[in-house]
C-alpha atoms as a PDB file:
ATOM      1  CA  MET A   1       0.000   0.000   0.000  1.00  0.00           C
ATOM      2  CA  ALA A   2       2.860   2.400   0.699  1.00  0.00           C
ATOM      3  CA  SER A   3       3.900   2.565  -2.943  1.00  0.00           C
ATOM      4  CA  SER A   4       0.367   3.424  -4.075  1.00  0.00           C
ATOM      5  CA  THR A   5       0.082   6.362  -1.663  1.00  0.00           C
ATOM      6  CA  LYS A   6       3.377   8.127  -2.231  1.00  0.00           C
ATOM      7  CA  ASN A   7       2.136  10.526  -4.923  1.00  0.00           C
ATOM      8  CA  ILE A   8      -1.395  11.505  -3.998  1.00  0.00           C
ATOM      9  CA  ASN A   9      -2.565  14.689  -5.690  1.00  0.00           C
ATOM     10  CA  VAL A  10      -5.322  16.357  -3.673  1.00  0.00           C
ATOM     11  CA  ASP A  11      -6.574  18.159  -6.789  1.00  0.00           C
ATOM     12  CA  VAL A  12      -7.112  14.815  -8.555  1.00  0.00           C
ATOM     13  CA  LEU A  13      -8.830  13.408  -5.484  1.00  0.00           C
ATOM     14  CA  ASN A  14     -11.074  16.478  -5.358  1.00  0.00           C
ATOM     15  CA  ARG A  15     -11.931  16.189  -9.060  1.00  0.00           C
ATOM     16  CA  ILE A  16     -12.898  12.528  -8.656  1.00  0.00           C
ATOM     17  CA  LEU A  17     -15.066  13.336  -5.640  1.00  0.00           C
ATOM     18  CA  GLY A  18     -16.672  16.215  -7.541  1.00  0.00           C
ATOM     19  CA  VAL A  19     -17.617  13.981 -10.460  1.00  0.00           C
ATOM     20  CA  LEU A  20     -18.972  11.353  -8.103  1.00  0.00           C
ATOM     21  CA  GLN A  21     -21.006  13.904  -6.191  1.00  0.00           C
ATOM     22  CA  ASP A  22     -22.438  15.242  -9.447  1.00  0.00           C
ATOM     23  CA  LYS A  23     -23.155  11.878 -11.122  1.00  0.00           C
ATOM     24  CA  ARG A  24     -23.997   9.831  -7.976  1.00  0.00           C
ATOM     25  CA  THR A  25     -23.031   6.485  -9.587  1.00  0.00           C
ATOM     26  CA  ILE A  26     -20.713   6.010 -12.526  1.00  0.00           C
ATOM     27  CA  LYS A  27     -18.528   3.418 -14.245  1.00  0.00           C
ATOM     28  CA  ILE A  28     -14.769   3.686 -13.750  1.00  0.00           C
ATOM     29  CA  THR A  29     -14.097   4.450 -17.428  1.00  0.00           C
ATOM     30  CA  LYS A  30     -16.480   7.423 -17.463  1.00  0.00           C
ATOM     31  CA  LEU A  31     -15.225   8.590 -14.069  1.00  0.00           C
ATOM     32  CA  ALA A  32     -11.661   8.651 -15.372  1.00  0.00           C
ATOM     33  CA  MET A  33     -12.749  10.550 -18.481  1.00  0.00           C
ATOM     34  CA  TYR A  34     -14.758  13.174 -16.573  1.00  0.00           C
ATOM     35  CA  SER A  35     -11.943  13.540 -14.007  1.00  0.00           C
ATOM     36  CA  GLY A  36      -9.320  14.086 -16.700  1.00  0.00           C
ATOM     37  CA  ILE A  37      -7.104  11.170 -15.700  1.00  0.00           C
ATOM     38  CA  ASN A  38      -6.255   7.838 -17.271  1.00  0.00           C
ATOM     39  CA  TYR A  39      -8.010   4.617 -16.316  1.00  0.00           C
ATOM     40  CA  ASN A  40      -5.109   3.083 -14.354  1.00  0.00           C
ATOM     41  CA  THR A  41      -4.561   6.249 -12.331  1.00  0.00           C
ATOM     42  CA  CYS A  42      -8.279   6.380 -11.596  1.00  0.00           C
ATOM     43  CA  LYS A  43      -8.266   2.784 -10.357  1.00  0.00           C
ATOM     44  CA  ARG A  44      -5.284   3.534  -8.090  1.00  0.00           C
ATOM     45  CA  TYR A  45      -7.089   6.512  -6.545  1.00  0.00           C
ATOM     46  CA  LEU A  46     -10.284   4.511  -6.146  1.00  0.00           C
ATOM     47  CA  GLN A  47      -8.430   1.796  -4.215  1.00  0.00           C
ATOM     48  CA  LEU A  48      -7.154   4.398  -1.771  1.00  0.00           C
ATOM     49  CA  MET A  49     -10.516   6.138  -1.541  1.00  0.00           C
ATOM     50  CA  ARG A  50     -12.222   2.813  -0.787  1.00  0.00           C
ATOM     51  CA  VAL A  51      -9.795   2.187   2.103  1.00  0.00           C
ATOM     52  CA  PHE A  52     -10.690   5.575   3.603  1.00  0.00           C
ATOM     53  CA  GLY A  53     -14.424   5.022   3.134  1.00  0.00           C
ATOM     54  CA  LEU A  54     -14.900   7.813   0.592  1.00  0.00           C
ATOM     55  CA  ILE A  55     -16.481   5.547  -2.035  1.00  0.00           C
ATOM     56  CA  GLU A  56     -18.232   2.222  -2.339  1.00  0.00           C
ATOM     57  CA  ASN A  57     -18.798  -0.196  -5.185  1.00  0.00           C
ATOM     58  CA  SER A  58     -22.183  -1.076  -6.551  1.00  0.00           C
ATOM     59  CA  SER A  59     -22.162  -4.005  -8.974  1.00  0.00           C
ATOM     60  CA  ASP A  60     -24.744  -5.364 -11.350  1.00  0.00           C
ATOM     61  CA  ASP A  61     -24.477  -8.268 -13.775  1.00  0.00           C
ATOM     62  CA  LYS A  62     -22.498  -6.301 -16.347  1.00  0.00           C
ATOM     63  CA  SER A  63     -20.299  -3.755 -14.588  1.00  0.00           C
ATOM     64  CA  THR A  64     -19.042  -2.168 -11.410  1.00  0.00           C
ATOM     65  CA  MET A  65     -20.413   1.236 -10.532  1.00  0.00           C
ATOM     66  CA  ILE A  66     -18.709   3.640  -8.139  1.00  0.00           C
ATOM     67  CA  LYS A  67     -20.699   5.669  -5.630  1.00  0.00           C
ATOM     68  CA  VAL A  68     -19.547   8.430  -3.274  1.00  0.00           C
ATOM     69  CA  THR A  69     -20.267   7.955   0.439  1.00  0.00           C
ATOM     70  CA  GLU A  70     -21.413  10.596   2.909  1.00  0.00           C
ATOM     71  CA  GLU A  71     -17.814  10.786   4.149  1.00  0.00           C
ATOM     72  CA  GLY A  72     -16.635  11.414   0.584  1.00  0.00           C
ATOM     73  CA  ILE A  73     -19.156  14.234   0.210  1.00  0.00           C
ATOM     74  CA  LYS A  74     -17.935  15.782   3.480  1.00  0.00           C
ATOM     75  CA  ILE A  75     -14.309  15.649   2.304  1.00  0.00           C
ATOM     76  CA  HIS A  76     -15.226  17.140  -1.084  1.00  0.00           C
ATOM     77  CA  ASN A  77     -17.148  19.950   0.594  1.00  0.00           C
ATOM     78  CA  ALA A  78     -14.265  20.612   3.004  1.00  0.00           C
ATOM     79  CA  LEU A  79     -11.770  20.770   0.132  1.00  0.00           C
ATOM     80  CA  ASN A  80     -14.010  23.330  -1.547  1.00  0.00           C
ATOM     81  CA  ASP A  81     -14.842  25.284   1.654  1.00  0.00           C
ATOM     82  CA  GLN A  82     -18.571  24.616   1.451  1.00  0.00           C
END
């Protein structure tokens, strides 16, 4: 886990949380696109965000959807002074 947390960009984290707050649930590919990052970087951030309880997965038969938690909304609001 240490290697995946050494270069965390708070701006990227904030952008991901913003997209999630706006869209509510979204596939990883679209989340990466709307956040302006590549798919692998998005997955790395999502792993970290899951550990901290900022997101949760919602799966159906075809795909995994990502959803922001109340804690994630609080962090996003705090980062944006709301």
